[in-house]
């Protein structure tokens, strides 16, 4: 499983595209009513860039959970941390992504 973690980090560092980005913001960001602003392909690309601009640990956790479809237990084993720590990282990475989206939206409104 360590290979998956390393591959996730490599993918993040090289900013490669993933095809299931819509699952991320439909599942998690939809709950926070931001999805109304995230419906076009351009917004999907922006979200993808924002994910890869997060801290490597946050990006890796989001990548493994949403794109690799790994469970929290599998991610914990790969990263060699506790399951609760994975849940905390998922929460913090979602919050950081949400904050970046809001910040991006506010910047666009100003410009």
Protein backbone atom coordinates (compact mmCIF):
# COMPACT_ATOMS: atom_id res chain seq x y z
CA UNK A 1 0.00 0.00 0.00
CA UNK A 2 2.94 2.32 0.47
CA UNK A 3 3.31 2.28 -3.31
CA UNK A 4 -0.17 3.81 -3.67
CA UNK A 5 0.76 6.58 -1.25
CA UNK A 6 3.97 7.32 -3.14
CA UNK A 7 2.14 7.25 -6.46
CA UNK A 8 -0.42 9.67 -5.05
CA UNK A 9 2.31 12.04 -4.00
CA UNK A 10 3.94 11.74 -7.42
CA UNK A 11 0.64 12.47 -9.10
CA UNK A 12 0.15 15.52 -6.92
CA UNK A 13 3.63 16.80 -7.59
CA UNK A 14 3.26 16.40 -11.33
CA UNK A 15 -0.30 17.85 -11.30
CA UNK A 16 -1.67 15.09 -13.50
CA UNK A 17 -5.37 15.20 -14.33
CA UNK A 18 -7.90 12.85 -12.86
CA UNK A 19 -11.21 11.95 -14.36
CA UNK A 20 -13.42 11.76 -11.30
CA UNK A 21 -13.08 15.27 -9.93
CA UNK A 22 -16.80 15.85 -10.05
CA UNK A 23 -17.32 13.16 -7.40
CA UNK A 24 -15.29 15.23 -4.96
CA UNK A 25 -17.33 18.36 -5.08
CA UNK A 26 -20.65 16.59 -5.57
CA UNK A 27 -20.15 14.43 -2.46
CA UNK A 28 -18.53 16.83 -0.03
CA UNK A 29 -18.82 20.40 -1.23
CA UNK A 30 -22.46 19.91 -2.25
CA UNK A 31 -23.26 19.52 1.42
CA UNK A 32 -21.99 23.05 1.97
CA UNK A 33 -24.03 24.60 -0.86
CA UNK A 34 -21.01 25.68 -2.88
CA UNK A 35 -21.89 23.35 -5.75
CA UNK A 36 -24.10 25.99 -7.28
CA UNK A 37 -20.95 27.77 -8.44
CA UNK A 38 -19.08 24.63 -9.50
CA UNK A 39 -20.94 23.24 -12.52
CA UNK A 40 -18.82 23.96 -15.56
CA UNK A 41 -15.73 22.22 -16.85
CA UNK A 42 -13.71 25.35 -16.28
CA UNK A 43 -14.65 25.29 -12.63
CA UNK A 44 -13.67 21.61 -12.47
CA UNK A 45 -10.21 22.46 -13.74
CA UNK A 46 -9.95 25.26 -11.21
CA UNK A 47 -10.96 22.88 -8.40
CA UNK A 48 -8.40 20.36 -9.60
CA UNK A 49 -5.66 23.00 -9.54
CA UNK A 50 -6.78 24.06 -6.06
CA UNK A 51 -6.59 20.47 -4.81
CA UNK A 52 -3.05 20.16 -6.10
CA UNK A 53 -2.13 23.50 -4.54
CA UNK A 54 -2.97 22.19 -1.07
CA UNK A 55 -0.32 20.79 1.23
CA UNK A 56 1.00 17.48 -0.14
CA UNK A 57 -0.52 15.51 2.74
CA UNK A 58 -3.96 17.04 2.14
CA UNK A 59 -3.75 16.46 -1.59
CA UNK A 60 -2.62 12.88 -1.08
CA UNK A 61 -5.48 12.10 1.31
CA UNK A 62 -8.07 13.64 -1.04
CA UNK A 63 -6.53 11.81 -3.99
CA UNK A 64 -6.56 8.42 -2.28
CA UNK A 65 -10.07 8.84 -0.85
CA UNK A 66 -11.87 10.31 -3.87
CA UNK A 67 -9.85 9.26 -6.89
CA UNK A 68 -8.36 5.93 -5.76
CA UNK A 69 -11.54 5.06 -3.80
CA UNK A 70 -9.62 3.83 -0.77
CA UNK A 71 -11.25 3.55 2.64
CA UNK A 72 -10.01 5.42 5.68
CA UNK A 73 -8.58 2.17 7.01
CA UNK A 74 -6.62 1.56 3.81
CA UNK A 75 -5.31 5.13 3.77
CA UNK A 76 -4.27 4.77 7.42
CA UNK A 77 -2.34 1.62 6.59
CA UNK A 78 -0.65 3.24 3.60
CA UNK A 79 0.29 6.42 5.45
CA UNK A 80 1.13 4.47 8.61
CA UNK A 81 -1.13 6.59 10.80
CA UNK A 82 -4.28 5.96 12.86
CA UNK A 83 -7.70 5.84 11.18
CA UNK A 84 -8.86 8.80 13.26
CA UNK A 85 -5.90 10.80 11.97
CA UNK A 86 -7.01 10.04 8.40
CA UNK A 87 -10.48 11.33 9.24
CA UNK A 88 -8.98 14.48 10.70
CA UNK A 89 -6.83 14.94 7.58
CA UNK A 90 -9.88 14.48 5.36
CA UNK A 91 -11.81 17.06 7.36
CA UNK A 92 -8.94 19.55 7.30
CA UNK A 93 -8.22 19.03 3.60
CA UNK A 94 -11.91 19.51 2.72
CA UNK A 95 -12.00 22.65 4.84
CA UNK A 96 -8.81 23.98 3.23
CA UNK A 97 -10.26 23.26 -0.22
CA UNK A 98 -13.54 24.92 0.71
CA UNK A 99 -11.65 28.00 1.95
CA UNK A 100 -9.64 28.16 -1.27
CA UNK A 101 -12.82 27.92 -3.33
CA UNK A 102 -14.43 30.73 -1.36
CA UNK A 103 -11.27 32.82 -1.62
CA UNK A 104 -11.11 32.20 -5.37
CA UNK A 105 -14.78 33.13 -5.73
CA UNK A 106 -14.27 36.36 -3.76
CA UNK A 107 -11.23 37.29 -5.86
CA UNK A 108 -13.23 36.78 -9.05
CA UNK A 109 -16.03 38.97 -7.68
CA UNK A 110 -13.53 41.74 -6.93
CA UNK A 111 -11.94 41.55 -10.38
